[in-house]
Amino acid sequence: MNKEQIIQAIEPAVAERGCFLVEVTISAENDIEVVIEKEEGIVDWEDCAAIDKVVHEAFDQDVEDYALTVSSAGLDRPFKVLRQYQKAIGSQVDVKFKGGKRIIATLTGASEDSIGLQYTALEAVEGKKKKEKVEHNETFPLSEINSVTPYIDFK
């Protein structure tokens, strides 16, 4: 079994549960990880169990000798697919740029190659001694970004 066969087997069940596929990985040891996300709301145990069942029905574990994990994308994992970005529009995200820059911003848009961000930054303003908050609404190419994750504020 390969990645494409797994995707083909599970896509109907994933869509039926109101979810979408984020990632399928297969390790050298044949450990399979299927990561899904819900269109609306959160992935629950029943969603994962349903996809697990589909894989086990499609591929005989005794013949293929694999280990399977089905999980949600989670709040700590970077976005991988456009649908994750689109789902997060209007919410705060933690953006890590290549080169080390990091900002917390509101995701305002997303396409295959860029994202829109609205954020506030302290900046030097001409004629003023103190830095002031300046609002930005910018579009950044994904090629300049290392990762985007949901921002969790514990305050």
N, C-alpha and C. Protein backbone atom coordinates (compact mmCIF):
# COMPACT_ATOMS: atom_id res chain seq x y z
N MET A 1 0.84 -1.17 0.00
CA MET A 1 0.00 0.00 0.00
C MET A 1 0.89 1.23 0.00
N ASN A 2 0.42 2.27 -0.69
CA ASN A 2 1.16 3.52 -0.71
C ASN A 2 0.24 4.68 -0.33
N LYS A 3 0.82 5.86 -0.24
CA LYS A 3 0.09 7.04 0.20
C LYS A 3 -1.15 7.32 -0.66
N GLU A 4 -0.99 7.22 -1.96
CA GLU A 4 -2.11 7.49 -2.88
C GLU A 4 -3.26 6.50 -2.67
N GLN A 5 -2.93 5.23 -2.42
CA GLN A 5 -3.97 4.22 -2.18
C GLN A 5 -4.73 4.53 -0.88
N ILE A 6 -4.01 4.95 0.13
CA ILE A 6 -4.65 5.30 1.40
C ILE A 6 -5.58 6.49 1.21
N ILE A 7 -5.07 7.52 0.54
CA ILE A 7 -5.89 8.72 0.30
C ILE A 7 -7.15 8.36 -0.47
N GLN A 8 -7.00 7.57 -1.51
CA GLN A 8 -8.16 7.16 -2.32
C GLN A 8 -9.17 6.38 -1.47
N ALA A 9 -8.68 5.55 -0.58
CA ALA A 9 -9.58 4.74 0.26
C ALA A 9 -10.33 5.57 1.29
N ILE A 10 -9.69 6.61 1.83
CA ILE A 10 -10.31 7.34 2.95
C ILE A 10 -11.02 8.63 2.56
N GLU A 11 -10.73 9.20 1.39
CA GLU A 11 -11.30 10.50 1.05
C GLU A 11 -12.83 10.54 1.16
N PRO A 12 -13.57 9.53 0.66
CA PRO A 12 -15.03 9.60 0.80
C PRO A 12 -15.48 9.63 2.27
N ALA A 13 -14.86 8.84 3.11
CA ALA A 13 -15.24 8.80 4.53
C ALA A 13 -14.86 10.09 5.24
N VAL A 14 -13.74 10.67 4.87
CA VAL A 14 -13.31 11.94 5.46
C VAL A 14 -14.33 13.02 5.12
N ALA A 15 -14.72 13.11 3.85
CA ALA A 15 -15.69 14.12 3.43
C ALA A 15 -17.06 13.87 4.07
N GLU A 16 -17.45 12.62 4.18
CA GLU A 16 -18.74 12.27 4.78
C GLU A 16 -18.84 12.75 6.23
N ARG A 17 -17.72 12.80 6.93
CA ARG A 17 -17.69 13.23 8.33
C ARG A 17 -17.56 14.74 8.46
N GLY A 18 -17.59 15.46 7.31
CA GLY A 18 -17.46 16.92 7.36
C GLY A 18 -16.03 17.36 7.61
N CYS A 19 -15.09 16.51 7.24
CA CYS A 19 -13.67 16.78 7.47
C CYS A 19 -12.95 16.94 6.14
N PHE A 20 -11.68 17.30 6.25
CA PHE A 20 -10.81 17.29 5.08
C PHE A 20 -9.46 16.73 5.50
N LEU A 21 -8.75 16.20 4.51
CA LEU A 21 -7.47 15.56 4.74
C LEU A 21 -6.37 16.62 4.79
N VAL A 22 -5.57 16.58 5.84
CA VAL A 22 -4.44 17.50 5.97
C VAL A 22 -3.16 16.83 5.50
N GLU A 23 -2.97 15.59 5.94
CA GLU A 23 -1.70 14.93 5.63
C GLU A 23 -1.81 13.43 5.84
N VAL A 24 -1.10 12.69 5.00
CA VAL A 24 -0.90 11.25 5.20
C VAL A 24 0.60 11.01 5.09
N THR A 25 1.18 10.40 6.11
CA THR A 25 2.60 10.07 6.06
C THR A 25 2.77 8.58 6.35
N ILE A 26 3.78 8.00 5.72
CA ILE A 26 4.13 6.60 5.95
C ILE A 26 5.62 6.56 6.22
N SER A 27 5.99 6.05 7.39
CA SER A 27 7.41 5.96 7.76
C SER A 27 8.04 4.74 7.12
N ALA A 28 9.35 4.64 7.23
CA ALA A 28 10.08 3.48 6.71
C ALA A 28 9.65 2.20 7.41
N GLU A 29 9.16 2.34 8.66
CA GLU A 29 8.69 1.17 9.43
C GLU A 29 7.23 0.84 9.15
N ASN A 30 6.62 1.52 8.17
CA ASN A 30 5.22 1.33 7.80
C ASN A 30 4.26 1.83 8.88
N ASP A 31 4.67 2.86 9.62
CA ASP A 31 3.78 3.56 10.54
C ASP A 31 3.05 4.62 9.73
N ILE A 32 1.74 4.51 9.70
CA ILE A 32 0.92 5.42 8.91
C ILE A 32 0.27 6.43 9.84
N GLU A 33 0.39 7.72 9.49
CA GLU A 33 -0.31 8.76 10.23
C GLU A 33 -1.23 9.49 9.27
N VAL A 34 -2.50 9.54 9.63
CA VAL A 34 -3.51 10.26 8.87
C VAL A 34 -3.95 11.43 9.74
N VAL A 35 -3.83 12.64 9.19
CA VAL A 35 -4.20 13.85 9.92
C VAL A 35 -5.38 14.49 9.20
N ILE A 36 -6.45 14.74 9.96
CA ILE A 36 -7.66 15.33 9.40
C ILE A 36 -8.04 16.58 10.18
N GLU A 37 -8.87 17.40 9.55
CA GLU A 37 -9.42 18.57 10.23
C GLU A 37 -10.88 18.70 9.82
N LYS A 38 -11.67 19.24 10.70
CA LYS A 38 -13.10 19.40 10.47
C LYS A 38 -13.35 20.74 9.76
N GLU A 39 -14.28 20.73 8.81
CA GLU A 39 -14.65 21.98 8.13
C GLU A 39 -15.14 23.01 9.14
N GLU A 40 -16.01 22.56 10.04
CA GLU A 40 -16.53 23.43 11.09
C GLU A 40 -16.48 22.66 12.39
N GLY A 41 -16.06 23.32 13.45
CA GLY A 41 -15.95 22.64 14.73
C GLY A 41 -14.62 21.92 14.85
N ILE A 42 -14.60 20.92 15.71
CA ILE A 42 -13.35 20.22 15.97
C ILE A 42 -13.50 18.72 15.68
N VAL A 43 -12.40 18.10 15.34
CA VAL A 43 -12.37 16.66 15.10
C VAL A 43 -12.56 15.96 16.44
N ASP A 44 -13.45 14.98 16.47
CA ASP A 44 -13.65 14.25 17.72
C ASP A 44 -13.21 12.79 17.56
N TRP A 45 -13.31 12.07 18.65
CA TRP A 45 -12.89 10.67 18.67
C TRP A 45 -13.63 9.85 17.62
N GLU A 46 -14.92 10.11 17.44
CA GLU A 46 -15.72 9.34 16.48
C GLU A 46 -15.23 9.56 15.04
N ASP A 47 -14.80 10.78 14.72
CA ASP A 47 -14.25 11.05 13.38
C ASP A 47 -13.00 10.20 13.16
N CYS A 48 -12.11 10.20 14.13
CA CYS A 48 -10.86 9.42 14.02
C CYS A 48 -11.15 7.92 13.93
N ALA A 49 -12.08 7.45 14.76
CA ALA A 49 -12.43 6.02 14.76
C ALA A 49 -13.03 5.60 13.42
N ALA A 50 -13.85 6.46 12.81
CA ALA A 50 -14.46 6.12 11.52
C ALA A 50 -13.41 5.99 10.43
N ILE A 51 -12.43 6.88 10.42
CA ILE A 51 -11.37 6.81 9.40
C ILE A 51 -10.47 5.60 9.67
N ASP A 52 -10.18 5.34 10.93
CA ASP A 52 -9.40 4.15 11.31
C ASP A 52 -10.07 2.89 10.77
N LYS A 53 -11.37 2.81 10.94
CA LYS A 53 -12.13 1.64 10.49
C LYS A 53 -12.03 1.47 8.97
N VAL A 54 -12.14 2.57 8.24
CA VAL A 54 -12.07 2.51 6.77
C VAL A 54 -10.70 1.97 6.32
N VAL A 55 -9.63 2.46 6.95
CA VAL A 55 -8.29 1.99 6.58
C VAL A 55 -8.16 0.50 6.87
N HIS A 56 -8.61 0.08 8.04
CA HIS A 56 -8.49 -1.34 8.41
C HIS A 56 -9.35 -2.24 7.51
N GLU A 57 -10.47 -1.72 7.02
CA GLU A 57 -11.30 -2.50 6.10
C GLU A 57 -10.66 -2.57 4.71
N ALA A 58 -9.96 -1.53 4.32
CA ALA A 58 -9.36 -1.47 2.98
C ALA A 58 -8.03 -2.22 2.89
N PHE A 59 -7.30 -2.27 4.00
CA PHE A 59 -5.96 -2.86 3.99
C PHE A 59 -5.82 -3.83 5.15
N ASP A 60 -5.55 -5.09 4.82
CA ASP A 60 -5.41 -6.13 5.84
C ASP A 60 -4.12 -5.90 6.62
N GLN A 61 -4.25 -5.64 7.90
CA GLN A 61 -3.10 -5.32 8.74
C GLN A 61 -2.14 -6.51 8.86
N ASP A 62 -2.65 -7.72 8.80
CA ASP A 62 -1.79 -8.90 8.88
C ASP A 62 -0.94 -9.06 7.62
N VAL A 63 -1.49 -8.67 6.48
CA VAL A 63 -0.77 -8.78 5.22
C VAL A 63 0.19 -7.59 5.04
N GLU A 64 -0.31 -6.39 5.28
CA GLU A 64 0.46 -5.17 5.05
C GLU A 64 1.42 -4.85 6.19
N ASP A 65 1.15 -5.35 7.40
CA ASP A 65 1.97 -5.12 8.60
C ASP A 65 2.25 -3.63 8.82
N TYR A 66 1.21 -2.91 9.22
CA TYR A 66 1.33 -1.48 9.46
C TYR A 66 0.77 -1.10 10.81
N ALA A 67 1.20 0.04 11.30
CA ALA A 67 0.62 0.67 12.49
C ALA A 67 -0.08 1.94 12.01
N LEU A 68 -1.23 2.23 12.57
CA LEU A 68 -2.03 3.36 12.09
C LEU A 68 -2.37 4.31 13.23
N THR A 69 -2.21 5.60 12.96
CA THR A 69 -2.65 6.66 13.86
C THR A 69 -3.49 7.62 13.05
N VAL A 70 -4.70 7.90 13.53
CA VAL A 70 -5.56 8.91 12.91
C VAL A 70 -5.75 9.99 13.96
N SER A 71 -5.45 11.24 13.58
CA SER A 71 -5.54 12.33 14.56
C SER A 71 -6.00 13.62 13.90
N SER A 72 -6.33 14.59 14.75
CA SER A 72 -6.69 15.91 14.25
C SER A 72 -5.41 16.71 14.04
N ALA A 73 -5.53 17.78 13.26
CA ALA A 73 -4.37 18.62 12.98
C ALA A 73 -3.82 19.24 14.25
N GLY A 74 -4.66 19.51 15.22
CA GLY A 74 -4.19 20.04 16.50
C GLY A 74 -3.81 21.51 16.43
N LEU A 75 -3.83 22.14 17.59
CA LEU A 75 -3.53 23.56 17.67
C LEU A 75 -2.04 23.86 17.61
N ASP A 76 -1.22 22.87 17.84
CA ASP A 76 0.22 23.13 17.88
C ASP A 76 0.92 22.81 16.56
N ARG A 77 0.20 22.29 15.60
CA ARG A 77 0.81 21.92 14.32
C ARG A 77 0.64 23.05 13.30
N PRO A 78 1.70 23.31 12.54
CA PRO A 78 1.58 24.33 11.48
C PRO A 78 0.56 23.92 10.42
N PHE A 79 -0.06 24.93 9.81
CA PHE A 79 -0.99 24.69 8.72
C PHE A 79 -0.22 24.05 7.57
N LYS A 80 -0.87 23.09 6.89
CA LYS A 80 -0.26 22.38 5.78
C LYS A 80 -0.99 22.61 4.46
N VAL A 81 -2.31 22.80 4.53
CA VAL A 81 -3.10 22.89 3.30
C VAL A 81 -3.94 24.17 3.31
N LEU A 82 -4.28 24.64 2.11
CA LEU A 82 -5.01 25.88 1.94
C LEU A 82 -6.30 25.90 2.76
N ARG A 83 -7.00 24.78 2.84
CA ARG A 83 -8.27 24.75 3.58
C ARG A 83 -8.09 25.10 5.05
N GLN A 84 -6.94 24.77 5.63
CA GLN A 84 -6.67 25.15 7.02
C GLN A 84 -6.56 26.66 7.14
N TYR A 85 -5.85 27.28 6.21
CA TYR A 85 -5.74 28.74 6.21
C TYR A 85 -7.12 29.38 6.04
N GLN A 86 -7.89 28.87 5.09
CA GLN A 86 -9.21 29.44 4.83
C GLN A 86 -10.13 29.31 6.04
N LYS A 87 -10.05 28.19 6.73
CA LYS A 87 -10.86 27.98 7.93
C LYS A 87 -10.48 28.98 9.02
N ALA A 88 -9.21 29.36 9.06
CA ALA A 88 -8.71 30.23 10.12
C ALA A 88 -8.85 31.73 9.82
N ILE A 89 -9.36 32.09 8.65
CA ILE A 89 -9.52 33.52 8.33
C ILE A 89 -10.39 34.18 9.40
N GLY A 90 -9.89 35.30 9.90
CA GLY A 90 -10.59 36.04 10.95
C GLY A 90 -10.09 35.71 12.35
N SER A 91 -9.23 34.71 12.47
CA SER A 91 -8.70 34.35 13.78
C SER A 91 -7.22 34.71 13.87
N GLN A 92 -6.72 34.71 15.10
CA GLN A 92 -5.32 35.05 15.31
C GLN A 92 -4.42 33.85 15.03
N VAL A 93 -3.27 34.14 14.42
CA VAL A 93 -2.29 33.12 14.09
C VAL A 93 -0.90 33.58 14.53
N ASP A 94 -0.05 32.60 14.75
CA ASP A 94 1.34 32.83 15.10
C ASP A 94 2.15 32.54 13.84
N VAL A 95 2.80 33.57 13.29
CA VAL A 95 3.51 33.44 12.02
C VAL A 95 5.01 33.55 12.27
N LYS A 96 5.73 32.52 11.83
CA LYS A 96 7.19 32.51 11.94
C LYS A 96 7.76 32.61 10.53
N PHE A 97 8.52 33.69 10.32
CA PHE A 97 9.09 33.95 9.01
C PHE A 97 10.49 33.34 8.89
N LYS A 98 10.90 33.09 7.67
CA LYS A 98 12.29 32.69 7.42
C LYS A 98 13.14 33.89 7.84
N GLY A 99 14.22 33.64 8.52
CA GLY A 99 15.05 34.74 9.01
C GLY A 99 14.80 35.04 10.48
N GLY A 100 13.77 34.41 11.08
CA GLY A 100 13.56 34.53 12.51
C GLY A 100 12.46 35.47 12.98
N LYS A 101 11.96 36.35 12.12
CA LYS A 101 10.90 37.27 12.53
C LYS A 101 9.63 36.48 12.89
N ARG A 102 8.94 36.96 13.90
CA ARG A 102 7.70 36.30 14.34
C ARG A 102 6.66 37.37 14.68
N ILE A 103 5.42 37.16 14.22
CA ILE A 103 4.34 38.08 14.58
C ILE A 103 3.08 37.30 14.92
N ILE A 104 2.28 37.91 15.77
CA ILE A 104 0.93 37.42 16.05
C ILE A 104 0.02 38.35 15.28
N ALA A 105 -0.85 37.79 14.44
CA ALA A 105 -1.67 38.60 13.56
C ALA A 105 -3.02 37.95 13.35
N THR A 106 -3.94 38.73 12.80
CA THR A 106 -5.23 38.19 12.37
C THR A 106 -5.10 37.81 10.91
N LEU A 107 -5.43 36.56 10.60
CA LEU A 107 -5.39 36.09 9.22
C LEU A 107 -6.57 36.69 8.46
N THR A 108 -6.28 37.46 7.42
CA THR A 108 -7.34 38.16 6.68
C THR A 108 -7.63 37.55 5.32
N GLY A 109 -6.76 36.68 4.85
CA GLY A 109 -6.98 36.06 3.55
C GLY A 109 -5.95 34.98 3.30
N ALA A 110 -6.23 34.13 2.32
CA ALA A 110 -5.30 33.04 2.00
C ALA A 110 -5.51 32.59 0.56
N SER A 111 -4.39 32.33 -0.11
CA SER A 111 -4.43 31.74 -1.45
C SER A 111 -3.36 30.66 -1.49
N GLU A 112 -3.19 30.04 -2.63
CA GLU A 112 -2.20 28.97 -2.77
C GLU A 112 -0.78 29.45 -2.50
N ASP A 113 -0.52 30.75 -2.74
CA ASP A 113 0.86 31.22 -2.62
C ASP A 113 1.08 32.38 -1.65
N SER A 114 0.03 32.88 -0.98
CA SER A 114 0.22 34.00 -0.05
C SER A 114 -0.89 34.03 1.01
N ILE A 115 -0.61 34.80 2.07
CA ILE A 115 -1.62 35.03 3.11
C ILE A 115 -1.68 36.51 3.44
N GLY A 116 -2.85 36.95 3.86
CA GLY A 116 -3.05 38.32 4.30
C GLY A 116 -3.06 38.36 5.82
N LEU A 117 -2.35 39.34 6.37
CA LEU A 117 -2.25 39.47 7.82
C LEU A 117 -2.50 40.90 8.26
N GLN A 118 -3.23 41.03 9.35
CA GLN A 118 -3.45 42.33 9.97
C GLN A 118 -2.82 42.26 11.36
N TYR A 119 -1.93 43.22 11.65
CA TYR A 119 -1.24 43.19 12.93
C TYR A 119 -0.82 44.60 13.35
N THR A 120 -0.47 44.73 14.60
CA THR A 120 0.00 45.98 15.17
C THR A 120 1.45 45.81 15.58
N ALA A 121 2.29 46.79 15.26
CA ALA A 121 3.70 46.73 15.63
C ALA A 121 4.13 48.05 16.24
N LEU A 122 5.01 47.99 17.23
CA LEU A 122 5.61 49.19 17.80
C LEU A 122 6.72 49.65 16.87
N GLU A 123 6.62 50.89 16.39
CA GLU A 123 7.59 51.39 15.43
C GLU A 123 7.97 52.83 15.75
N ALA A 124 9.18 53.18 15.33
CA ALA A 124 9.63 54.56 15.47
C ALA A 124 8.84 55.42 14.49
N VAL A 125 8.30 56.54 14.99
CA VAL A 125 7.54 57.46 14.15
C VAL A 125 8.32 58.77 14.09
N GLU A 126 8.50 59.28 12.89
CA GLU A 126 9.29 60.50 12.70
C GLU A 126 8.74 61.63 13.56
N GLY A 127 9.64 62.31 14.27
CA GLY A 127 9.26 63.43 15.11
C GLY A 127 8.82 63.04 16.51
N LYS A 128 8.83 61.75 16.84
CA LYS A 128 8.41 61.28 18.16
C LYS A 128 9.55 60.51 18.80
N LYS A 129 9.70 60.67 20.12
CA LYS A 129 10.76 59.96 20.84
C LYS A 129 10.38 58.51 21.11
N LYS A 130 9.12 58.29 21.50
CA LYS A 130 8.65 56.94 21.84
C LYS A 130 8.12 56.22 20.60
N LYS A 131 8.31 54.92 20.59
CA LYS A 131 7.71 54.12 19.52
C LYS A 131 6.20 54.11 19.72
N GLU A 132 5.49 54.04 18.63
CA GLU A 132 4.03 54.01 18.67
C GLU A 132 3.50 52.78 17.96
N LYS A 133 2.29 52.41 18.32
CA LYS A 133 1.64 51.28 17.67
C LYS A 133 1.20 51.71 16.27
N VAL A 134 1.56 50.89 15.29
CA VAL A 134 1.20 51.15 13.91
C VAL A 134 0.47 49.92 13.37
N GLU A 135 -0.71 50.15 12.80
CA GLU A 135 -1.51 49.06 12.22
C GLU A 135 -0.99 48.71 10.83
N HIS A 136 -0.92 47.42 10.55
CA HIS A 136 -0.49 46.94 9.24
C HIS A 136 -1.54 45.96 8.70
N ASN A 137 -1.75 46.04 7.41
CA ASN A 137 -2.59 45.07 6.71
C ASN A 137 -1.82 44.71 5.45
N GLU A 138 -1.13 43.56 5.49
CA GLU A 138 -0.21 43.21 4.42
C GLU A 138 -0.43 41.79 3.92
N THR A 139 0.07 41.56 2.71
CA THR A 139 0.06 40.22 2.12
C THR A 139 1.50 39.73 2.05
N PHE A 140 1.70 38.48 2.47
CA PHE A 140 3.04 37.89 2.47
C PHE A 140 3.04 36.62 1.63
N PRO A 141 4.07 36.45 0.79
CA PRO A 141 4.18 35.18 0.06
C PRO A 141 4.51 34.04 1.02
N LEU A 142 3.91 32.90 0.81
CA LEU A 142 4.19 31.73 1.66
C LEU A 142 5.67 31.33 1.58
N SER A 143 6.33 31.69 0.50
CA SER A 143 7.75 31.36 0.35
C SER A 143 8.62 32.07 1.39
N GLU A 144 8.10 33.14 2.02
CA GLU A 144 8.84 33.87 3.05
C GLU A 144 8.52 33.37 4.46
N ILE A 145 7.64 32.39 4.56
CA ILE A 145 7.13 31.97 5.87
C ILE A 145 7.57 30.54 6.19
N ASN A 146 8.04 30.34 7.41
CA ASN A 146 8.40 28.99 7.87
C ASN A 146 7.16 28.24 8.34
N SER A 147 6.33 28.90 9.17
CA SER A 147 5.15 28.20 9.69
C SER A 147 4.08 29.19 10.14
N VAL A 148 2.85 28.71 10.08
CA VAL A 148 1.69 29.44 10.61
C VAL A 148 0.91 28.45 11.46
N THR A 149 0.67 28.83 12.72
CA THR A 149 -0.11 27.99 13.63
C THR A 149 -1.20 28.83 14.26
N PRO A 150 -2.25 28.18 14.74
CA PRO A 150 -3.26 28.94 15.49
C PRO A 150 -2.59 29.57 16.72
N TYR A 151 -2.98 30.80 17.05
CA TYR A 151 -2.44 31.46 18.22
C TYR A 151 -3.37 31.17 19.41
N ILE A 152 -2.76 30.75 20.49
CA ILE A 152 -3.52 30.45 21.70
C ILE A 152 -3.12 31.47 22.76
N ASP A 153 -4.07 32.24 23.23
CA ASP A 153 -3.81 33.25 24.26
C ASP A 153 -4.31 32.71 25.58
N PHE A 154 -3.42 32.49 26.51
CA PHE A 154 -3.77 31.91 27.80
C PHE A 154 -4.14 32.95 28.85
N LYS A 155 -4.34 34.17 28.43
CA LYS A 155 -4.69 35.24 29.38
C LYS A 155 -6.13 35.15 29.80
